[in-house]
Amino acid sequence: MAARLAPRMTGGPPFTFSYQEPMQKMLSSAIGSAFATSVAFAVPAHAAPIPMTATTAPTVQEAPLRAHLQFLSSDMLEGRGTGQRGGDLAVAYLESQAMAAGLKPGNGNSYRQSVKIAGIKASPQASSVVLEAGGKAQALTFGKDWVWAPGDATAIHAMDAELVFVGYGITAPEQGWDDYKGIDCKGKVLVMMVNDPMPTSLEPDRFGGKGLTYYGRWTYKFEEAARHGAAGVLLIHTDASASYGWSVVQNSWLAERFQLASGKGGSAMQGWMTESSARGLFKAAGHDLDALRTAAENKNFKPVAINAKVKGETRAEVRLIDQFNVAGIVPGTDPKLKDEVVIYSAHWDHLGKQGKDGDSGDTIYNGAVDNATGSAGLLAMALEASKSPAKRSQMFLWVAAEEQGLLGSAAYAASPLWPANKTAANLNLDSLNWVGATRDIGTQGSERTELGAMAEAAAKSMGLKVAMPKPDLSGGYFRSDHFSFAKSGIPAFSIAGGRDYIVDAAASTAKAETYGEQRYHQVSDEYDAAWNLAGMVQQAQFTLNLGRMIANTPKMPAWKAGDALGKVRSGGL
């Protein structure tokens, strides 16, 4: 992922959650036979630590990484979907492998941390809801033209709500920006753009310049609308502003969606519409969408009622489920520093199995790159780290439901297994380099803290260079699990693969660039035995090296002066 300075923390209070620790589930016999081969790569759970020497420095091995990757992305795990059988199997596998690698339970005597989640699936065929403009119903098809679901885990809602265009839907006092301008949002559905206002010649750095701030994330839009008491939110999708195509929205919203069961819920309706659908709706209501979007680039913009409504009844299927983060510990060796921890994280979930049994074609979203690679990388790292502990403790954390809005990491941050003020850093892995070894490594986001200088030193020790930072146009810093830790004041970022490929640079670059269109959140994201895993091993090794550097340094790393997230740790927010 990438770095974007100054995320926006002014929209409301941090998340709060509560849940109970469940009984540990028994391991499925199917899992036991399936991963028997990869257990051969693990050390006994109670093996004595090997003293650290030049020859025993933790070195990530390709064989266990490949074995874990192959299994985690196999059809047997059915895409590791949240609330699905495949997700339960993935948790059982990770738990057993953490034990086999010699990790101590991260939650008392359990490797699991419960994450209470509400599963929500819109039922458009049982619903009667329509969009009206100028008094006439618009011919919009669910999935093709728009998508929606309740944001408050309530199965039935009667809707008779006026549509109001609120520009970017942002409230940012430090920018002198308020798209709501005192409007009473109760009973209204807000239509808004994703992303955030563009810089101008007079204000080249507004909202962080060319990159994307947290204000631009769709998650923020829903959160802020709920804080204003809106009945609903409809986001206008464009490939450029969302940084992905409509198919990504479809894949996410046609399937079951999830939110944390505890904490404050969202609006009655949350959803998206295509740009063409929005344009037609606004035209039928007597408005020019492009003219309104242009007006919304000015901080003096005021909300516009657009002579349109959401009318009818929405229905959805709602269920409550238990999901789990998996956590294992390598205890530290220093009498004082062992009470502090470095956390390595990766999300274990993907989009799971979609459709129904008997459907033709591939219905399994295996998520090989995203994020079986990161989960497998953590297992391979843990196997080595357990042999040579560092001064501080090290936690290996596999979090749930990242694809559903960073839910597992948000739940961890709200109820941490290790005190936040004793957590030195979080290093996150989300989609490893599946192409080949590089001369560089991605550390965007590290420059916000003292981790930046440490990352450069770790890279230099491996003969790597830190990749040049680029404007974070897609808001990558706010889209991966490290952000949940950063919001708690913990120095955190995601380690990305490099792009300066060693072997056949042109062909390797071309291969890497196919991921967005041909693999990302598609059934085609499958493991290939022909993959060269040198880049994955390199990325995992760098992460482990940097983590050990943090674990052995006398003082915990700090945020750069003035950073908003640093103020969280210091109690300034």
Protein backbone atom coordinates (compact mmCIF):
# COMPACT_ATOMS: atom_id res chain seq x y z
CA MET A 1 0.00 0.00 0.00
CA ALA A 2 1.06 3.62 -0.06
CA ALA A 3 1.58 6.68 2.10
CA ARG A 4 -0.50 9.81 2.27
CA LEU A 5 0.30 12.46 4.82
CA ALA A 6 -2.20 13.81 7.36
CA PRO A 7 -5.20 11.48 7.56
CA ARG A 8 -8.31 13.15 8.86
CA MET A 9 -9.26 12.31 12.40
CA THR A 10 -11.72 15.12 13.11
CA GLY A 11 -14.95 13.49 11.97
CA GLY A 12 -15.84 11.89 15.27
CA PRO A 13 -14.72 9.65 18.10
CA PRO A 14 -12.70 6.46 17.59
CA PHE A 15 -14.50 3.13 17.27
CA THR A 16 -15.42 1.30 20.46
CA PHE A 17 -16.30 -2.36 20.59
CA SER A 18 -16.84 -5.04 23.20
CA TYR A 19 -17.03 -8.77 22.95
CA GLN A 20 -16.39 -11.93 24.95
CA GLU A 21 -13.67 -14.49 24.51
CA PRO A 22 -15.18 -17.75 23.22
CA MET A 23 -14.27 -21.35 23.87
CA GLN A 24 -11.62 -22.60 21.48
CA LYS A 25 -13.19 -24.67 18.70
CA MET A 26 -12.00 -28.16 17.99
CA LEU A 27 -9.81 -28.58 14.94
CA SER A 28 -11.56 -30.08 11.95
CA SER A 29 -10.27 -33.50 10.94
CA ALA A 30 -10.36 -32.32 7.36
CA ILE A 31 -7.89 -29.59 8.21
CA GLY A 32 -5.70 -32.01 10.08
CA SER A 33 -5.11 -34.17 7.04
CA ALA A 34 -4.91 -31.25 4.62
CA PHE A 35 -2.02 -29.47 6.28
CA ALA A 36 -0.06 -32.50 7.44
CA THR A 37 2.55 -31.93 4.76
CA SER A 38 3.26 -28.31 5.73
CA VAL A 39 3.65 -29.23 9.42
CA ALA A 40 6.90 -30.87 8.43
CA PHE A 41 8.33 -27.38 8.00
CA ALA A 42 7.49 -26.32 11.57
CA VAL A 43 9.49 -26.67 14.78
CA PRO A 44 8.00 -28.33 17.86
CA ALA A 45 5.77 -26.04 19.91
CA HIS A 46 7.90 -26.32 23.04
CA ALA A 47 11.36 -26.34 21.45
CA ALA A 48 13.93 -24.33 23.40
CA PRO A 49 14.96 -21.04 21.73
CA ILE A 50 18.21 -21.22 19.78
CA PRO A 51 20.75 -18.54 20.83
CA MET A 52 21.15 -15.77 18.26
CA THR A 53 24.34 -16.05 16.22
CA ALA A 54 25.43 -15.00 12.74
CA THR A 55 24.56 -18.45 11.45
CA THR A 56 21.18 -18.67 13.18
CA ALA A 57 19.87 -15.19 12.30
CA PRO A 58 16.21 -15.71 11.31
CA THR A 59 16.13 -16.46 7.60
CA VAL A 60 12.72 -16.83 5.95
CA GLN A 61 12.52 -20.02 3.90
CA GLU A 62 10.63 -20.39 0.63
CA ALA A 63 9.45 -23.98 1.22
CA PRO A 64 7.11 -23.29 4.17
CA LEU A 65 5.92 -20.05 2.61
CA ARG A 66 4.98 -21.87 -0.59
CA ALA A 67 3.31 -24.73 1.28
CA HIS A 68 1.17 -22.37 3.35
CA LEU A 69 0.33 -20.24 0.31
CA GLN A 70 -0.73 -23.24 -1.75
CA PHE A 71 -3.05 -24.51 0.96
CA LEU A 72 -4.53 -21.19 2.08
CA SER A 73 -5.44 -20.29 -1.51
CA SER A 74 -6.74 -23.76 -2.45
CA ASP A 75 -10.33 -24.43 -3.41
CA MET A 76 -10.70 -26.43 -0.19
CA LEU A 77 -10.74 -23.13 1.74
CA GLU A 78 -13.28 -21.67 -0.68
CA GLY A 79 -11.80 -18.18 -0.70
CA ARG A 80 -11.65 -17.81 3.11
CA GLY A 81 -14.89 -15.87 3.17
CA THR A 82 -16.08 -14.02 6.25
CA GLY A 83 -18.84 -16.06 7.88
CA GLN A 84 -18.22 -19.01 5.57
CA ARG A 85 -16.91 -22.53 6.13
CA GLY A 86 -13.69 -21.68 4.30
CA GLY A 87 -12.98 -18.86 6.72
CA ASP A 88 -13.46 -21.19 9.68
CA LEU A 89 -11.03 -23.67 8.12
CA ALA A 90 -8.48 -20.90 7.56
CA VAL A 91 -8.64 -19.89 11.23
CA ALA A 92 -8.19 -23.49 12.35
CA TYR A 93 -5.21 -23.87 10.03
CA LEU A 94 -3.53 -20.66 11.18
CA GLU A 95 -4.10 -21.54 14.82
CA SER A 96 -2.53 -24.97 14.41
CA GLN A 97 0.40 -23.67 12.39
CA ALA A 98 1.08 -20.91 14.93
CA MET A 99 1.20 -23.59 17.59
CA ALA A 100 3.46 -25.80 15.48
CA ALA A 101 5.81 -22.87 14.80
CA GLY A 102 6.41 -22.48 18.53
CA LEU A 103 4.34 -19.34 19.12
CA LYS A 104 2.73 -18.90 22.52
CA PRO A 105 -1.01 -18.18 22.66
CA GLY A 106 -1.65 -14.47 22.21
CA ASN A 107 -4.88 -14.30 24.24
CA GLY A 108 -4.35 -15.99 27.58
CA ASN A 109 -4.25 -19.67 26.75
CA SER A 110 -5.99 -19.18 23.41
CA TYR A 111 -4.72 -18.21 19.98
CA ARG A 112 -8.10 -16.72 19.11
CA GLN A 113 -9.68 -13.35 19.67
CA SER A 114 -13.41 -13.17 19.06
CA VAL A 115 -14.72 -10.58 16.60
CA LYS A 116 -18.51 -10.24 16.73
CA ILE A 117 -19.83 -9.37 13.30
CA ALA A 118 -23.23 -8.72 11.73
CA GLY A 119 -23.65 -10.24 8.27
CA ILE A 120 -25.96 -8.30 5.96
CA LYS A 121 -27.14 -9.27 2.47
CA ALA A 122 -29.50 -7.04 0.54
CA SER A 123 -32.64 -8.73 -0.80
CA PRO A 124 -33.51 -6.59 -3.84
CA GLN A 125 -36.09 -9.06 -5.19
CA ALA A 126 -38.04 -8.90 -1.93
CA SER A 127 -37.75 -5.11 -1.79
CA SER A 128 -39.90 -2.45 -3.39
CA VAL A 129 -37.49 0.46 -3.21
CA VAL A 130 -37.04 2.78 -6.20
CA LEU A 131 -35.36 6.07 -7.02
CA GLU A 132 -37.75 8.75 -8.21
CA ALA A 133 -36.78 11.94 -10.04
CA GLY A 134 -39.26 14.62 -11.03
CA GLY A 135 -42.00 12.37 -9.68
CA LYS A 136 -41.12 9.45 -11.97
CA ALA A 137 -39.46 6.15 -11.04
CA GLN A 138 -36.05 5.62 -12.63
CA ALA A 139 -35.39 2.30 -14.36
CA LEU A 140 -32.37 1.25 -12.32
CA THR A 141 -31.33 -2.37 -11.87
CA PHE A 142 -29.76 -3.52 -8.60
CA GLY A 143 -26.17 -4.56 -9.30
CA LYS A 144 -26.00 -3.14 -12.79
CA ASP A 145 -26.86 0.48 -11.95
CA TRP A 146 -26.82 0.77 -8.17
CA VAL A 147 -26.27 -1.23 -5.00
CA TRP A 148 -27.35 -0.72 -1.41
CA ALA A 149 -27.59 -2.42 1.95
CA PRO A 150 -28.62 -1.31 5.43
CA GLY A 151 -25.76 0.13 7.45
CA ASP A 152 -27.43 -0.53 10.80
CA ALA A 153 -27.95 -4.32 10.62
CA THR A 154 -31.74 -3.86 10.48
CA ALA A 155 -33.61 -6.18 8.12
CA ILE A 156 -36.47 -3.91 6.98
CA HIS A 157 -36.62 -0.17 6.33
CA ALA A 158 -39.47 1.94 4.97
CA MET A 159 -37.94 4.69 2.86
CA ASP A 160 -39.49 8.00 1.81
CA ALA A 161 -36.42 10.20 1.78
CA GLU A 162 -35.49 13.30 -0.17
CA LEU A 163 -32.15 13.18 -2.03
CA VAL A 164 -29.66 15.94 -1.30
CA PHE A 165 -26.34 16.39 -3.09
CA VAL A 166 -23.64 17.25 -0.53
CA GLY A 167 -20.58 17.41 -2.76
CA TYR A 168 -17.78 15.38 -1.17
CA GLY A 169 -19.68 14.90 2.11
CA ILE A 170 -16.73 16.19 4.13
CA THR A 171 -16.54 18.08 7.42
CA ALA A 172 -12.94 19.23 7.91
CA PRO A 173 -12.63 22.26 10.25
CA GLU A 174 -8.85 22.46 9.87
CA GLN A 175 -9.37 22.92 6.12
CA GLY A 176 -12.20 25.40 6.60
CA TRP A 177 -14.40 22.89 4.78
CA ASP A 178 -18.01 21.88 5.52
CA ASP A 179 -20.11 20.27 2.81
CA TYR A 180 -23.07 20.01 5.18
CA LYS A 181 -23.37 23.76 5.94
CA GLY A 182 -25.84 23.24 8.78
CA ILE A 183 -28.35 21.16 6.80
CA ASP A 184 -30.76 18.97 8.79
CA CYS A 185 -29.94 15.52 7.43
CA LYS A 186 -32.65 13.65 9.31
CA GLY A 187 -34.86 11.73 6.91
CA LYS A 188 -32.66 12.51 3.91
CA VAL A 189 -30.50 10.35 1.65
CA LEU A 190 -27.25 12.11 0.80
CA VAL A 191 -25.69 11.78 -2.64
CA MET A 192 -21.97 12.47 -2.71
CA MET A 193 -18.70 11.99 -4.54
CA VAL A 194 -15.86 9.80 -3.36
CA ASN A 195 -12.29 11.12 -3.10
CA ASP A 196 -11.68 14.62 -1.75
CA PRO A 197 -11.39 18.14 -3.23
CA MET A 198 -8.60 18.62 -5.74
CA PRO A 199 -5.70 21.00 -5.08
CA THR A 200 -5.71 24.35 -6.82
CA SER A 201 -3.02 26.79 -7.89
CA LEU A 202 -3.90 28.94 -4.88
CA GLU A 203 -4.12 25.95 -2.51
CA PRO A 204 -1.75 23.29 -3.91
CA ASP A 205 -1.65 21.40 -0.61
CA ARG A 206 -5.32 21.40 0.33
CA PHE A 207 -6.42 17.96 1.43
CA GLY A 208 -2.85 16.78 1.06
CA GLY A 209 -2.35 17.77 -2.57
CA LYS A 210 -2.65 15.18 -5.30
CA GLY A 211 -2.99 12.19 -3.02
CA LEU A 212 -6.05 10.95 -1.14
CA THR A 213 -6.75 11.68 2.50
CA TYR A 214 -8.97 9.69 4.82
CA TYR A 215 -11.73 12.20 4.04
CA GLY A 216 -11.81 10.76 0.55
CA ARG A 217 -12.42 7.16 1.61
CA TRP A 218 -15.90 5.74 1.15
CA THR A 219 -15.79 4.47 4.72
CA TYR A 220 -15.40 8.03 5.99
CA LYS A 221 -18.36 9.15 3.85
CA PHE A 222 -20.66 6.61 5.49
CA GLU A 223 -19.34 7.41 8.97
CA GLU A 224 -19.78 11.17 8.60
CA ALA A 225 -23.30 10.85 7.14
CA ALA A 226 -24.32 8.68 10.11
CA ARG A 227 -22.88 11.26 12.51
CA HIS A 228 -25.13 13.84 10.84
CA GLY A 229 -28.16 11.58 11.28
CA ALA A 230 -28.80 10.94 7.58
CA ALA A 231 -31.25 8.25 6.52
CA GLY A 232 -28.88 7.07 3.84
CA VAL A 233 -25.90 7.65 1.56
CA LEU A 234 -25.42 6.97 -2.15
CA LEU A 235 -21.89 7.38 -3.50
CA ILE A 236 -21.30 8.25 -7.15
CA HIS A 237 -18.79 5.80 -8.61
CA THR A 238 -16.16 6.63 -11.20
CA ASP A 239 -13.15 4.45 -11.94
CA ALA A 240 -10.80 7.39 -11.35
CA SER A 241 -12.22 8.58 -8.03
CA ALA A 242 -12.68 5.11 -6.54
CA SER A 243 -9.42 3.80 -8.06
CA TYR A 244 -11.21 0.62 -9.19
CA GLY A 245 -13.94 -0.36 -11.62
CA TRP A 246 -17.64 -0.93 -10.99
CA SER A 247 -17.03 -4.71 -11.01
CA VAL A 248 -15.19 -4.37 -7.68
CA VAL A 249 -18.24 -2.63 -6.19
CA GLN A 250 -20.51 -5.33 -7.63
CA ASN A 251 -18.42 -8.20 -6.25
CA SER A 252 -18.51 -6.66 -2.78
CA TRP A 253 -22.12 -5.49 -2.63
CA LEU A 254 -23.89 -8.36 -4.38
CA ALA A 255 -22.47 -10.68 -1.74
CA GLU A 256 -23.07 -10.62 2.00
CA ARG A 257 -21.52 -7.58 3.66
CA PHE A 258 -20.35 -7.22 7.23
CA GLN A 259 -19.98 -4.74 10.05
CA LEU A 260 -18.95 -5.02 13.67
CA ALA A 261 -21.96 -6.06 15.71
CA SER A 262 -21.17 -3.73 18.59
CA GLY A 263 -20.60 -0.03 18.41
CA LYS A 264 -22.62 2.65 16.66
CA GLY A 265 -24.29 1.54 13.43
CA GLY A 266 -24.57 3.37 10.15
CA SER A 267 -27.48 4.80 8.18
CA ALA A 268 -30.53 2.86 7.04
CA MET A 269 -29.24 2.81 3.45
CA GLN A 270 -25.64 2.78 2.29
CA GLY A 271 -24.76 2.23 -1.35
CA TRP A 272 -23.28 3.27 -4.66
CA MET A 273 -24.57 4.20 -8.10
CA THR A 274 -22.75 4.25 -11.42
CA GLU A 275 -21.82 7.59 -12.89
CA SER A 276 -24.17 7.08 -15.83
CA SER A 277 -27.05 6.27 -13.49
CA ALA A 278 -26.31 9.35 -11.40
CA ARG A 279 -26.14 11.50 -14.50
CA GLY A 280 -29.54 10.24 -15.67
CA LEU A 281 -31.08 10.71 -12.23
CA PHE A 282 -29.84 14.28 -11.91
CA LYS A 283 -30.98 15.14 -15.44
CA ALA A 284 -34.47 13.76 -14.76
CA ALA A 285 -34.54 15.90 -11.62
CA GLY A 286 -33.63 19.01 -13.60
CA HIS A 287 -29.97 19.27 -12.60
CA ASP A 288 -26.62 19.08 -14.36
CA LEU A 289 -24.40 16.63 -12.46
CA ASP A 290 -21.17 18.02 -13.90
CA ALA A 291 -22.09 21.58 -12.95
CA LEU A 292 -22.83 20.49 -9.38
CA ARG A 293 -19.58 18.56 -9.15
CA THR A 294 -17.68 21.62 -10.32
CA ALA A 295 -19.44 23.78 -7.74
CA ALA A 296 -18.54 21.24 -5.04
CA GLU A 297 -14.82 21.95 -5.57
CA ASN A 298 -15.32 25.28 -3.80
CA LYS A 299 -15.45 25.48 0.01
CA ASN A 300 -18.43 27.83 -0.30
CA PHE A 301 -20.56 25.06 -1.84
CA LYS A 302 -23.90 24.45 -0.11
CA PRO A 303 -26.02 21.27 -0.20
CA VAL A 304 -28.54 21.05 -3.04
CA ALA A 305 -31.91 19.27 -2.82
CA ILE A 306 -32.30 17.65 -6.24
CA ASN A 307 -36.07 16.99 -6.59
CA ALA A 308 -35.62 13.24 -6.23
CA LYS A 309 -36.50 10.63 -3.62
CA VAL A 310 -35.80 7.12 -2.41
CA LYS A 311 -39.21 5.48 -1.90
CA GLY A 312 -40.40 2.04 -0.92
CA GLU A 313 -39.20 -0.73 1.34
CA THR A 314 -35.74 -2.26 1.57
CA ARG A 315 -35.28 -5.78 2.87
CA ALA A 316 -32.13 -7.63 3.82
CA GLU A 317 -31.04 -10.85 5.47
CA VAL A 318 -29.22 -10.19 8.76
CA ARG A 319 -27.29 -12.63 10.93
CA LEU A 320 -24.80 -12.41 13.81
CA ILE A 321 -21.60 -14.43 13.56
CA ASP A 322 -18.38 -15.04 15.45
CA GLN A 323 -15.15 -14.54 13.54
CA PHE A 324 -11.64 -14.69 14.95
CA ASN A 325 -8.32 -12.94 14.85
CA VAL A 326 -5.46 -15.38 15.41
CA ALA A 327 -2.52 -14.22 17.57
CA GLY A 328 0.71 -15.91 18.61
CA ILE A 329 3.63 -14.55 20.62
CA VAL A 330 7.40 -14.93 20.61
CA PRO A 331 8.23 -13.70 24.15
CA GLY A 332 11.04 -11.18 24.45
CA THR A 333 14.32 -11.90 26.23
CA ASP A 334 15.03 -8.56 27.91
CA PRO A 335 13.71 -8.30 31.48
CA LYS A 336 12.17 -4.86 30.81
CA LEU A 337 11.66 -4.69 27.05
CA LYS A 338 9.81 -8.01 26.91
CA ASP A 339 6.78 -6.12 28.26
CA GLU A 340 6.64 -4.24 24.95
CA VAL A 341 5.72 -5.78 21.61
CA VAL A 342 6.18 -5.48 17.87
CA ILE A 343 3.13 -6.68 15.92
CA TYR A 344 3.33 -8.25 12.48
CA SER A 345 -0.10 -8.49 10.86
CA ALA A 346 -1.85 -9.82 7.76
CA HIS A 347 -5.51 -10.43 7.01
CA TRP A 348 -6.55 -14.03 6.42
CA ASP A 349 -9.89 -13.37 4.70
CA HIS A 350 -10.89 -12.86 1.10
CA LEU A 351 -14.27 -12.75 -0.69
CA GLY A 352 -15.06 -16.42 -0.26
CA LYS A 353 -17.47 -18.47 -2.30
CA GLN A 354 -20.15 -16.48 -4.10
CA GLY A 355 -23.21 -17.74 -5.87
CA LYS A 356 -24.99 -21.02 -5.14
CA ASP A 357 -23.99 -24.67 -5.27
CA GLY A 358 -24.57 -25.92 -8.77
CA ASP A 359 -23.85 -22.56 -10.43
CA SER A 360 -21.82 -22.94 -13.57
CA GLY A 361 -18.33 -21.46 -13.72
CA ASP A 362 -15.87 -20.58 -11.00
CA THR A 363 -17.57 -19.25 -7.86
CA ILE A 364 -14.52 -19.25 -5.55
CA TYR A 365 -12.60 -16.03 -4.98
CA ASN A 366 -9.40 -17.73 -3.83
CA GLY A 367 -7.50 -14.55 -2.95
CA ALA A 368 -4.10 -16.08 -3.55
CA VAL A 369 -2.21 -12.79 -3.74
CA ASP A 370 -4.78 -10.94 -1.61
CA ASN A 371 -4.00 -12.11 1.01
CA ALA A 372 -2.96 -15.75 1.21
CA THR A 373 0.52 -14.43 0.41
CA GLY A 374 0.62 -12.18 3.48
CA SER A 375 -0.83 -14.87 5.76
CA ALA A 376 1.65 -17.44 4.47
CA GLY A 377 4.49 -14.94 4.79
CA LEU A 378 3.67 -14.37 8.46
CA LEU A 379 3.68 -18.12 9.12
CA ALA A 380 7.09 -18.48 7.47
CA MET A 381 8.40 -15.51 9.46
CA ALA A 382 7.00 -16.84 12.74
CA LEU A 383 8.72 -20.17 12.22
CA GLU A 384 12.10 -18.41 12.09
CA ALA A 385 11.39 -15.77 14.73
CA SER A 386 10.52 -18.41 17.32
CA LYS A 387 14.01 -19.89 16.98
CA SER A 388 15.77 -16.62 17.88
CA PRO A 389 13.71 -14.30 20.09
CA ALA A 390 14.45 -10.58 20.24
CA LYS A 391 14.59 -8.28 23.27
CA ARG A 392 11.00 -7.14 22.87
CA SER A 393 8.19 -9.59 22.42
CA GLN A 394 6.86 -10.16 18.90
CA MET A 395 3.24 -10.85 18.02
CA PHE A 396 2.12 -12.51 14.81
CA LEU A 397 -1.47 -11.46 14.18
CA TRP A 398 -3.81 -12.74 11.46
CA VAL A 399 -6.88 -10.50 11.39
CA ALA A 400 -10.38 -11.21 10.15
CA ALA A 401 -12.67 -9.34 7.75
CA GLU A 402 -10.23 -6.85 6.25
CA GLU A 403 -12.13 -7.03 2.97
CA GLN A 404 -15.25 -5.92 4.83
CA GLY A 405 -13.75 -2.69 6.12
CA LEU A 406 -10.75 -3.57 8.33
CA LEU A 407 -13.13 -5.10 10.89
CA GLY A 408 -10.74 -7.56 12.54
CA SER A 409 -7.97 -5.03 13.02
CA ALA A 410 -10.48 -2.40 14.19
CA ALA A 411 -11.78 -4.85 16.79
CA TYR A 412 -8.22 -5.61 17.90
CA ALA A 413 -7.39 -1.92 18.19
CA ALA A 414 -10.53 -1.33 20.25
CA SER A 415 -9.71 -4.19 22.64
CA PRO A 416 -5.98 -4.94 22.20
CA LEU A 417 -4.40 -8.13 23.45
CA TRP A 418 -1.32 -6.05 24.29
CA PRO A 419 -1.59 -2.48 25.63
CA ALA A 420 -1.35 0.09 22.86
CA ASN A 421 1.11 2.20 24.85
CA LYS A 422 3.37 -0.86 25.10
CA THR A 423 3.13 -1.63 21.37
CA ALA A 424 6.23 -0.36 19.59
CA ALA A 425 4.98 -0.72 16.02
CA ASN A 426 2.75 -2.58 13.60
CA LEU A 427 4.20 -3.90 10.34
CA ASN A 428 1.48 -5.12 8.00
CA LEU A 429 1.65 -7.41 4.96
CA ASP A 430 -1.17 -7.15 2.43
CA SER A 431 -0.52 -8.82 -0.94
CA LEU A 432 3.10 -9.90 -1.44
CA ASN A 433 5.22 -9.59 -4.55
CA TRP A 434 4.17 -12.55 -6.75
CA VAL A 435 6.36 -11.58 -9.72
CA GLY A 436 10.01 -11.82 -8.66
CA ALA A 437 12.88 -10.36 -6.66
CA THR A 438 13.53 -6.62 -6.83
CA ARG A 439 16.28 -4.15 -5.98
CA ASP A 440 13.88 -2.03 -3.93
CA ILE A 441 11.19 -2.34 -1.28
CA GLY A 442 8.05 -0.27 -0.65
CA THR A 443 7.86 1.55 2.68
CA GLN A 444 5.40 4.36 1.99
CA GLY A 445 3.77 5.46 5.21
CA SER A 446 6.90 4.82 7.25
CA GLU A 447 8.08 8.40 6.73
CA ARG A 448 5.40 9.62 9.14
CA THR A 449 7.38 8.10 12.00
CA GLU A 450 10.90 7.11 13.00
CA LEU A 451 10.15 3.83 11.26
CA GLY A 452 11.15 5.57 8.03
CA ALA A 453 14.82 5.84 8.96
CA MET A 454 14.78 2.33 10.40
CA ALA A 455 13.24 0.98 7.18
CA GLU A 456 16.02 2.61 5.16
CA ALA A 457 18.63 1.00 7.40
CA ALA A 458 16.95 -2.41 7.14
CA ALA A 459 16.79 -2.08 3.36
CA LYS A 460 20.46 -1.07 3.13
CA SER A 461 21.50 -4.08 5.20
CA MET A 462 19.84 -6.31 2.58
CA GLY A 463 21.34 -4.45 -0.39
CA LEU A 464 17.95 -2.91 -1.20
CA LYS A 465 16.87 0.66 -1.73
CA VAL A 466 13.64 2.17 -0.50
CA ALA A 467 11.27 2.79 -3.41
CA MET A 468 10.63 6.43 -4.19
CA PRO A 469 7.34 7.63 -2.69
CA LYS A 470 4.50 8.60 -4.99
CA PRO A 471 1.30 10.57 -4.39
CA ASP A 472 -1.16 8.21 -2.73
CA LEU A 473 -3.90 8.62 -5.32
CA SER A 474 -5.93 5.63 -4.11
CA GLY A 475 -5.63 6.34 -0.38
CA GLY A 476 -3.68 3.17 0.25
CA TYR A 477 -2.57 4.27 3.71
CA PHE A 478 -6.19 4.20 4.86
CA ARG A 479 -7.19 0.96 3.15
CA SER A 480 -5.16 -1.66 4.95
CA ASP A 481 -5.09 -3.07 8.47
CA HIS A 482 -2.14 -1.01 9.71
CA PHE A 483 -4.46 2.02 9.69
CA SER A 484 -6.48 0.57 12.57
CA PHE A 485 -3.28 0.55 14.63
CA ALA A 486 -2.25 4.01 13.44
CA LYS A 487 -5.59 5.43 14.57
CA SER A 488 -4.69 4.16 18.06
CA GLY A 489 -1.41 6.07 17.91
CA ILE A 490 0.80 3.06 17.15
CA PRO A 491 3.47 3.70 14.47
CA ALA A 492 2.32 1.52 11.61
CA PHE A 493 2.52 0.98 7.87
CA SER A 494 2.27 -1.78 5.27
CA ILE A 495 5.38 -3.13 3.58
CA ALA A 496 4.89 -3.28 -0.18
CA GLY A 497 6.82 -5.19 -2.81
CA GLY A 498 9.36 -3.37 -4.94
CA ARG A 499 9.04 -2.57 -8.63
CA ASP A 500 12.69 -2.52 -9.76
CA TYR A 501 12.74 -6.14 -10.92
CA ILE A 502 16.04 -7.97 -11.19
CA VAL A 503 15.06 -10.51 -13.86
CA ASP A 504 13.68 -9.25 -17.20
CA ALA A 505 12.52 -5.91 -15.84
CA ALA A 506 10.20 -5.05 -18.73
CA ALA A 507 8.38 -8.38 -18.74
CA SER A 508 8.18 -8.47 -14.94
CA THR A 509 6.77 -4.96 -14.79
CA ALA A 510 4.20 -5.83 -17.43
CA LYS A 511 3.22 -8.93 -15.46
CA ALA A 512 2.83 -6.96 -12.23
CA GLU A 513 0.63 -4.41 -13.96
CA THR A 514 -1.88 -7.09 -14.96
CA TYR A 515 -2.86 -7.65 -11.34
CA GLY A 516 -5.31 -4.75 -11.05
CA GLU A 517 -7.40 -5.69 -14.06
CA GLN A 518 -6.93 -9.45 -14.23
CA ARG A 519 -6.70 -10.60 -10.60
CA TYR A 520 -7.70 -8.05 -7.97
CA HIS A 521 -10.95 -9.22 -6.29
CA GLN A 522 -11.64 -11.64 -9.12
CA VAL A 523 -11.91 -15.43 -9.29
CA SER A 524 -8.67 -15.41 -11.29
CA ASP A 525 -6.59 -14.53 -8.19
CA GLU A 526 -5.40 -18.14 -7.87
CA TYR A 527 -2.10 -19.70 -6.88
CA ASP A 528 0.22 -20.79 -9.68
CA ALA A 529 2.85 -23.41 -8.88
CA ALA A 530 5.10 -21.78 -11.48
CA TRP A 531 5.34 -18.55 -9.50
CA ASN A 532 8.82 -17.39 -8.57
CA LEU A 533 8.47 -16.65 -4.85
CA ALA A 534 11.82 -14.86 -4.50
CA GLY A 535 10.00 -11.52 -4.22
CA MET A 536 7.71 -12.84 -1.49
CA VAL A 537 10.60 -14.25 0.50
CA GLN A 538 12.45 -10.95 0.09
CA GLN A 539 9.46 -8.95 1.30
CA ALA A 540 8.87 -11.24 4.29
CA GLN A 541 12.56 -11.18 5.18
CA PHE A 542 12.68 -7.40 5.08
CA THR A 543 9.62 -7.21 7.33
CA LEU A 544 11.13 -9.63 9.83
CA ASN A 545 14.47 -7.81 9.78
CA LEU A 546 12.81 -4.45 10.36
CA GLY A 547 10.65 -5.92 13.12
CA ARG A 548 13.68 -7.35 14.90
CA MET A 549 15.46 -4.01 14.58
CA ILE A 550 12.47 -2.35 16.27
CA ALA A 551 12.33 -5.15 18.85
CA ASN A 552 16.00 -4.69 19.79
CA THR A 553 16.30 -0.90 19.82
CA PRO A 554 16.38 0.74 23.28
CA LYS A 555 13.42 3.09 22.70
CA MET A 556 10.12 2.62 20.93
CA PRO A 557 9.84 4.56 17.64
CA ALA A 558 7.92 7.83 17.70
CA TRP A 559 5.75 9.77 15.27
CA LYS A 560 7.16 12.80 13.49
CA ALA A 561 6.39 16.08 15.21
CA GLY A 562 2.99 17.49 14.30
CA ASP A 563 1.52 14.31 12.85
CA ALA A 564 -2.16 14.00 13.79
CA LEU A 565 -1.83 10.31 14.60
CA GLY A 566 1.14 10.99 16.83
CA LYS A 567 -1.10 13.21 18.90
CA VAL A 568 -3.29 10.18 19.59
CA ARG A 569 -0.41 8.39 21.31
CA SER A 570 0.60 11.49 23.26
CA GLY A 571 -2.97 12.13 24.35
CA GLY A 572 -3.24 15.30 22.29
CA LEU A 573 -6.49 14.29 20.56
